[in-house]
Protein backbone atom coordinates (compact mmCIF):
# COMPACT_ATOMS: atom_id res chain seq x y z
CA MET A 1 -47.18 -44.87 -25.66
CA HIS A 2 -45.47 -44.46 -28.94
CA ASN A 3 -41.83 -44.93 -29.82
CA PHE A 4 -40.50 -43.15 -32.81
CA GLU A 5 -36.88 -43.58 -32.30
CA ASN A 6 -34.97 -43.37 -35.64
CA ARG A 7 -37.85 -41.43 -37.25
CA VAL A 8 -37.68 -37.95 -38.64
CA ALA A 9 -40.49 -35.58 -39.21
CA VAL A 10 -41.23 -32.32 -40.68
CA VAL A 11 -43.88 -30.31 -39.15
CA THR A 12 -45.14 -26.88 -40.68
CA GLY A 13 -46.71 -24.10 -38.66
CA ALA A 14 -44.99 -25.75 -35.64
CA GLY A 15 -44.02 -22.64 -33.78
CA ALA A 16 -47.02 -22.59 -31.55
CA GLY A 17 -50.60 -24.39 -31.04
CA ILE A 18 -51.28 -27.62 -32.64
CA GLY A 19 -48.12 -27.74 -34.68
CA PHE A 20 -45.98 -27.21 -31.74
CA GLN A 21 -47.62 -29.88 -29.76
CA ILE A 22 -47.30 -32.36 -32.64
CA ALA A 23 -43.54 -31.56 -32.87
CA LEU A 24 -43.04 -31.62 -29.06
CA GLN A 25 -44.95 -35.15 -28.78
CA LEU A 26 -42.86 -36.56 -31.72
CA ALA A 27 -39.53 -35.29 -30.25
CA SER A 28 -40.73 -36.66 -26.82
CA ALA A 29 -41.19 -39.96 -28.40
CA GLY A 30 -37.65 -40.15 -29.91
CA ALA A 31 -38.17 -38.56 -33.34
CA GLY A 32 -35.93 -35.84 -34.87
CA VAL A 33 -38.04 -32.94 -35.90
CA VAL A 34 -37.75 -30.18 -38.53
CA VAL A 35 -39.72 -27.37 -37.02
CA ASN A 36 -41.09 -24.78 -39.52
CA ASP A 37 -42.83 -21.48 -38.88
CA SER A 38 -42.77 -18.17 -40.73
CA ASP A 39 -42.14 -16.38 -37.25
CA LYS A 40 -38.38 -16.83 -36.38
CA GLN A 41 -38.94 -16.05 -32.77
CA GLN A 42 -41.54 -18.78 -32.49
CA ALA A 43 -39.73 -21.32 -34.33
CA ASP A 44 -36.59 -20.83 -32.23
CA ALA A 45 -38.73 -20.80 -28.99
CA ALA A 46 -40.26 -24.08 -30.01
CA VAL A 47 -37.01 -25.88 -30.81
CA ALA A 48 -35.61 -24.58 -27.29
CA ALA A 49 -38.59 -26.08 -25.62
CA ILE A 50 -38.18 -29.22 -27.33
CA GLU A 51 -34.39 -29.62 -26.60
CA GLU A 52 -35.19 -28.42 -22.95
CA GLN A 53 -37.22 -31.69 -22.60
CA GLY A 54 -34.33 -33.73 -24.26
CA GLY A 55 -35.62 -33.90 -27.84
CA ARG A 56 -33.91 -33.22 -31.07
CA ALA A 57 -35.07 -30.47 -33.19
CA VAL A 58 -34.11 -27.92 -35.89
CA ALA A 59 -35.80 -24.65 -36.93
CA VAL A 60 -36.44 -23.68 -40.66
CA VAL A 61 -37.97 -20.23 -40.86
CA GLY A 62 -40.02 -19.37 -43.93
CA ASP A 63 -43.38 -19.19 -45.85
CA CYS A 64 -44.22 -22.88 -46.22
CA SER A 65 -46.38 -22.06 -49.63
CA GLU A 66 -42.90 -21.37 -51.29
CA LEU A 67 -41.31 -24.24 -52.99
CA ALA A 68 -37.77 -23.17 -51.95
CA VAL A 69 -38.83 -23.18 -48.25
CA ILE A 70 -40.45 -26.73 -48.70
CA ASP A 71 -37.29 -28.07 -50.55
CA THR A 72 -35.16 -26.70 -47.64
CA LEU A 73 -37.28 -28.56 -44.93
CA ILE A 74 -36.94 -31.85 -46.74
CA ASP A 75 -33.21 -31.25 -47.38
CA GLN A 76 -32.67 -30.26 -43.58
CA ALA A 77 -34.40 -33.47 -42.48
CA ASP A 78 -32.00 -35.52 -44.46
CA ALA A 79 -28.83 -33.41 -43.61
CA ILE A 80 -29.45 -33.12 -40.00
CA PHE A 81 -31.25 -36.30 -39.11
CA GLY A 82 -30.23 -38.57 -42.03
CA ARG A 83 -33.61 -39.38 -43.32
CA LEU A 84 -37.21 -38.46 -43.69
CA ASP A 85 -40.33 -40.61 -42.42
CA PHE A 86 -43.17 -38.14 -41.71
CA ALA A 87 -44.35 -34.88 -43.18
CA ILE A 88 -47.22 -33.08 -41.24
CA ALA A 89 -48.57 -30.17 -43.18
CA ASN A 90 -50.13 -28.30 -40.27
CA ALA A 91 -49.61 -24.68 -41.43
CA GLY A 92 -52.86 -22.93 -42.44
CA ILE A 93 -54.62 -19.64 -42.07
CA THR A 94 -58.14 -18.76 -41.12
CA THR A 95 -59.79 -15.68 -42.74
CA PHE A 96 -63.32 -14.79 -41.95
CA GLY A 97 -65.50 -12.86 -44.44
CA ARG A 98 -68.77 -12.66 -45.99
CA PHE A 99 -69.10 -14.35 -49.41
CA LEU A 100 -70.39 -11.23 -51.17
CA ASP A 101 -67.55 -9.10 -49.81
CA TYR A 102 -64.66 -11.45 -49.74
CA PRO A 103 -61.53 -10.09 -51.52
CA PRO A 104 -59.46 -11.67 -54.08
CA GLU A 105 -56.16 -11.10 -52.25
CA ASP A 106 -57.43 -12.88 -49.12
CA PHE A 107 -58.63 -15.80 -51.29
CA GLN A 108 -55.23 -16.17 -52.95
CA ARG A 109 -53.29 -16.03 -49.82
CA LEU A 110 -55.55 -18.73 -48.21
CA VAL A 111 -55.21 -20.95 -51.22
CA ASP A 112 -51.42 -20.58 -51.32
CA ILE A 113 -50.93 -21.52 -47.71
CA ASN A 114 -53.70 -23.89 -46.99
CA LEU A 115 -53.55 -25.68 -50.35
CA ARG A 116 -50.44 -25.09 -52.22
CA GLY A 117 -48.18 -25.44 -49.14
CA SER A 118 -49.92 -28.79 -48.13
CA PHE A 119 -49.90 -30.17 -51.67
CA TYR A 120 -46.28 -29.47 -52.45
CA LEU A 121 -44.99 -30.42 -48.86
CA ALA A 122 -46.72 -33.83 -49.54
CA GLN A 123 -45.18 -34.08 -53.11
CA ARG A 124 -41.66 -33.27 -51.94
CA ALA A 125 -41.78 -35.45 -48.95
CA ALA A 126 -43.36 -38.38 -50.93
CA ARG A 127 -40.59 -38.28 -53.54
CA ARG A 128 -37.79 -38.21 -50.89
CA ILE A 129 -39.37 -41.18 -49.00
CA ILE A 130 -39.72 -43.16 -52.09
CA ALA A 131 -36.18 -42.49 -53.08
CA GLN A 132 -35.04 -43.35 -49.66
CA ASN A 133 -36.84 -46.48 -49.60
CA ASN A 134 -35.49 -47.62 -52.87
CA THR A 135 -31.91 -47.30 -51.49
CA ALA A 136 -32.49 -48.44 -47.91
CA ALA A 137 -30.08 -51.07 -46.56
CA ASP A 138 -31.48 -53.97 -44.54
CA SER A 139 -30.16 -52.47 -41.37
CA GLN A 140 -32.21 -49.25 -41.77
CA PRO A 141 -35.69 -48.66 -40.34
CA ILE A 142 -38.68 -50.20 -42.27
CA ALA A 143 -39.53 -48.80 -45.56
CA GLY A 144 -42.67 -46.54 -45.87
CA GLY A 145 -43.84 -43.21 -44.59
CA ARG A 146 -46.62 -41.20 -43.35
CA LEU A 147 -48.15 -37.86 -44.68
CA LEU A 148 -50.46 -36.00 -42.39
CA LEU A 149 -52.74 -33.10 -43.57
CA MET A 150 -54.84 -30.72 -41.46
CA SER A 151 -58.44 -30.25 -42.48
CA SER A 152 -61.11 -28.90 -40.25
CA VAL A 153 -64.84 -29.49 -39.27
CA THR A 154 -65.66 -26.36 -41.36
CA GLY A 155 -64.70 -28.55 -44.39
CA ILE A 156 -67.62 -30.85 -43.37
CA GLN A 157 -70.22 -28.54 -41.87
CA TYR A 158 -71.21 -24.97 -42.45
CA HIS A 159 -69.91 -22.26 -40.13
CA PRO A 160 -70.85 -18.49 -40.88
CA ASP A 161 -68.48 -16.40 -42.76
CA LEU A 162 -66.06 -19.17 -43.51
CA THR A 163 -66.84 -20.17 -47.14
CA ALA A 164 -63.52 -19.71 -48.56
CA TYR A 165 -61.63 -21.25 -45.69
CA ALA A 166 -64.14 -24.14 -45.54
CA MET A 167 -63.45 -24.70 -49.34
CA SER A 168 -59.71 -25.14 -48.63
CA LYS A 169 -60.28 -27.50 -45.80
CA ALA A 170 -62.79 -29.70 -47.84
CA ALA A 171 -60.14 -29.82 -50.57
CA ILE A 172 -57.57 -31.26 -47.96
CA ARG A 173 -59.90 -34.10 -47.05
CA MET A 174 -59.93 -35.01 -50.99
CA MET A 175 -56.25 -34.71 -51.19
CA ALA A 176 -55.90 -37.17 -48.26
CA LYS A 177 -58.42 -39.54 -49.99
CA SER A 178 -56.65 -39.42 -53.37
CA LEU A 179 -53.07 -39.68 -52.10
CA GLY A 180 -53.88 -42.49 -49.94
CA ALA A 181 -54.91 -44.39 -53.00
CA GLU A 182 -51.88 -43.14 -55.11
CA LEU A 183 -49.15 -43.46 -52.60
CA GLY A 184 -50.32 -46.80 -50.89
CA GLN A 185 -48.02 -48.93 -53.39
CA TYR A 186 -45.00 -47.01 -51.96
CA GLY A 187 -45.95 -47.94 -48.28
CA ILE A 188 -46.94 -44.34 -47.72
CA THR A 189 -50.17 -43.67 -45.73
CA VAL A 190 -51.83 -40.25 -46.05
CA ASN A 191 -54.53 -39.06 -43.65
CA ALA A 192 -56.03 -35.71 -42.51
CA ILE A 193 -57.22 -34.53 -39.14
CA ALA A 194 -60.29 -32.27 -38.98
CA PRO A 195 -60.04 -30.48 -35.62
CA GLY A 196 -63.04 -28.76 -34.10
CA ALA A 197 -62.89 -25.81 -31.83
CA THR A 198 -59.60 -25.85 -30.34
CA LEU A 199 -58.00 -23.73 -27.55
CA THR A 200 -54.92 -22.10 -29.21
CA GLU A 201 -53.01 -19.01 -28.63
CA ARG A 202 -55.05 -17.29 -31.54
CA THR A 203 -58.42 -18.60 -30.49
CA MET A 204 -57.78 -17.64 -26.74
CA ASN A 205 -57.66 -14.06 -27.82
CA ASP A 206 -61.43 -14.14 -27.86
CA GLN A 207 -62.45 -14.09 -24.16
CA ASN A 208 -65.71 -15.84 -24.75
CA TYR A 209 -64.30 -18.57 -26.92
CA ASN A 210 -63.88 -21.24 -24.16
CA ALA A 211 -67.27 -20.64 -22.70
CA VAL A 212 -69.12 -20.57 -25.97
CA TRP A 213 -67.55 -23.65 -27.33
CA SER A 214 -67.83 -25.45 -24.10
CA GLN A 215 -71.71 -24.76 -24.30
CA ILE A 216 -72.28 -26.08 -27.70
CA THR A 217 -69.89 -29.03 -27.78
CA PRO A 218 -71.38 -32.46 -26.54
CA THR A 219 -68.30 -33.32 -24.56
CA GLY A 220 -68.51 -29.92 -22.64
CA ARG A 221 -65.32 -28.36 -23.94
CA PRO A 222 -63.28 -27.33 -26.92
CA ALA A 223 -60.34 -29.56 -27.79
CA THR A 224 -56.70 -28.53 -26.74
CA PRO A 225 -53.70 -28.80 -29.06
CA GLY A 226 -52.69 -31.95 -27.11
CA ASP A 227 -55.93 -33.59 -28.18
CA ILE A 228 -55.08 -33.06 -31.76
CA ALA A 229 -51.42 -34.09 -31.20
CA ASP A 230 -52.43 -37.33 -29.72
CA THR A 231 -54.51 -38.12 -32.84
CA ALA A 232 -51.62 -37.12 -34.96
CA LEU A 233 -49.21 -39.46 -33.33
CA PHE A 234 -51.67 -42.37 -33.44
CA LEU A 235 -52.11 -41.79 -37.18
CA LEU A 236 -48.29 -41.71 -37.52
CA SER A 237 -47.56 -44.68 -35.51
CA PRO A 238 -47.56 -48.36 -36.56
CA SER A 239 -51.04 -48.87 -34.95
CA ALA A 240 -52.42 -46.97 -37.82
CA SER A 241 -50.55 -48.78 -40.58
CA GLN A 242 -53.81 -49.96 -42.39
CA ILE A 243 -55.54 -46.56 -42.04
CA THR A 244 -55.14 -44.38 -45.28
CA GLY A 245 -57.15 -41.72 -47.19
CA GLN A 246 -59.21 -40.89 -44.17
CA THR A 247 -60.17 -37.78 -42.36
CA LEU A 248 -60.42 -38.18 -38.60
CA VAL A 249 -62.75 -35.62 -36.89
CA VAL A 250 -61.57 -34.44 -33.47
CA ASP A 251 -64.28 -32.04 -32.26
CA GLY A 252 -65.94 -33.35 -29.09
CA GLY A 253 -68.97 -34.28 -31.10
CA TRP A 254 -69.73 -30.90 -32.65
CA THR A 255 -70.31 -32.15 -36.18
CA SER A 256 -73.05 -34.47 -34.89
CA VAL A 257 -75.27 -31.51 -33.85
CA SER A 258 -73.41 -28.51 -35.41
CA PRO A 259 -74.90 -25.38 -33.75
CA PRO A 260 -73.22 -22.28 -34.86
CA PRO A 261 -71.50 -20.22 -31.95
CA LEU A 262 -73.79 -17.62 -30.39
CA GLU A 263 -73.03 -14.01 -31.06
């Protein structure tokens, strides 16, 4: 339903799960996609899957909390596809741990990837989009851009043993709110998605995950990566041009009732 011909996106953490589905759907709708992942095998496999379906993609392997990697992502979008329109800061890690025992090294790694990586991808992408728009010819696609961040329902409601992670995801919501106001003058919208329980490669390692979350989610099932990708493409589309600074919850109604998963 979306047409992203002549658009170019950078997606971090796109080797699998939600990030891969966002990259795949964007490419299927005509966008050129720079696929980032810290795992080379996953990044290359994601690009191969996109190309197999007729899409255009290139892999950039690296830790997206490092500024050099972020700059490479932005540069590759321009070098390979000729422009940058969308930056999706999907990469993130989840670390469980009791507040009283949570180690400093885990906290620092969480902040680096979830916050530093998202903040500087948004900053570098916004700079490129603004510069690009200032030099755009009349024949080029319309000015503006989209930044999309990845929050979580745990940044809204309590979940056991996720205090540090929840703090990082609540901060992402505020980042979207602040940047939506700050970057609107440049035609750039900034929004976040807050997924609830989602069936990814990681969560499916828990054989009880689907059954437990199906029981406590009002719609009767956890989300799929495709559900989150559908939301992402809407927020990136012209249909969402007047939506900015918002966090859209995609959780099957869990935050309305918020029961914790049963042990």
